[in-house]
Protein backbone atom coordinates (compact mmCIF):
# COMPACT_ATOMS: atom_id res chain seq x y z
CA UNK A 1 21.85 69.97 11.98
CA UNK A 2 24.04 67.48 10.17
CA UNK A 3 26.27 68.82 7.43
CA UNK A 4 26.72 67.13 4.08
CA UNK A 5 29.85 68.58 2.50
CA UNK A 6 30.94 67.93 -1.07
CA UNK A 7 34.31 66.27 -1.57
CA UNK A 8 37.27 68.69 -1.69
CA UNK A 9 35.29 71.64 -0.24
CA UNK A 10 37.15 74.60 1.20
CA UNK A 11 35.59 77.42 3.23
CA UNK A 12 37.31 80.14 5.24
CA UNK A 13 35.98 83.13 7.19
CA UNK A 14 37.96 86.25 8.06
CA UNK A 15 37.05 89.47 9.86
CA UNK A 16 38.96 92.43 8.47
CA UNK A 17 38.33 95.99 9.66
CA UNK A 18 34.82 95.07 10.78
CA UNK A 19 33.91 93.26 7.54
CA UNK A 20 33.27 89.54 7.31
CA UNK A 21 34.94 87.87 4.33
CA UNK A 22 33.73 84.41 3.40
CA UNK A 23 36.01 82.62 0.93
CA UNK A 24 35.09 79.30 -0.64
CA UNK A 25 35.82 77.16 -3.64
CA UNK A 26 33.02 75.84 -5.88
CA UNK A 27 32.41 72.79 -3.68
CA UNK A 28 32.38 74.93 -0.55
CA UNK A 29 29.86 77.38 -2.00
CA UNK A 30 27.56 74.59 -3.17
CA UNK A 31 27.78 72.89 0.22
CA UNK A 32 27.00 76.15 2.04
CA UNK A 33 24.05 76.73 -0.29
CA UNK A 34 22.63 73.36 0.76
CA UNK A 35 23.09 74.23 4.46
CA UNK A 36 21.37 77.61 4.02
CA UNK A 37 18.51 76.00 2.06
CA UNK A 38 18.01 73.32 4.69
CA UNK A 39 17.89 75.94 7.45
CA UNK A 40 15.42 78.05 5.44
CA UNK A 41 13.11 75.10 4.75
CA UNK A 42 12.89 73.79 8.33
CA UNK A 43 9.44 74.19 9.85
CA UNK A 44 9.17 76.07 13.15
CA UNK A 45 12.86 76.87 12.95
CA UNK A 46 12.86 80.38 14.45
CA UNK A 47 16.13 80.65 16.32
CA UNK A 48 17.55 77.55 14.63
CA UNK A 49 21.20 78.04 13.81
CA UNK A 50 24.49 76.41 13.04
CA UNK A 51 28.09 77.15 13.98
CA UNK A 52 31.13 76.66 11.82
CA UNK A 53 34.72 77.21 12.91
CA UNK A 54 38.21 75.90 12.23
CA UNK A 55 37.43 72.84 14.37
CA UNK A 56 34.14 72.22 12.54
CA UNK A 57 34.53 72.40 8.76
CA UNK A 58 36.29 75.75 8.17
CA UNK A 59 39.91 76.22 7.19
CA UNK A 60 42.53 76.61 9.92
CA UNK A 61 42.64 80.14 11.33
CA UNK A 62 39.06 80.94 10.29
CA UNK A 63 36.82 83.08 12.46
CA UNK A 64 33.69 81.41 13.84
CA UNK A 65 30.60 81.77 11.68
CA UNK A 66 27.14 81.51 13.21
CA UNK A 67 24.13 81.43 10.88
CA UNK A 68 20.76 81.90 12.58
CA UNK A 69 17.26 81.90 11.20
CA UNK A 70 15.00 84.73 12.33
CA UNK A 71 11.32 85.48 11.80
């Protein structure tokens, strides 16, 4: 799945005391919304997923985020 990020996006993921905290600016939230929508609209996408981490789009020090479609 190819990502189309808005200019100046910022997204970070932290795990604190068992809770996942996703922090993003406006551009980051809008970009993530597009990624979630694309995943939701794919046909026959059960098990389809994407990974984000500090080496792939997230801010330095972010925890890895895996988003998977189930049905």
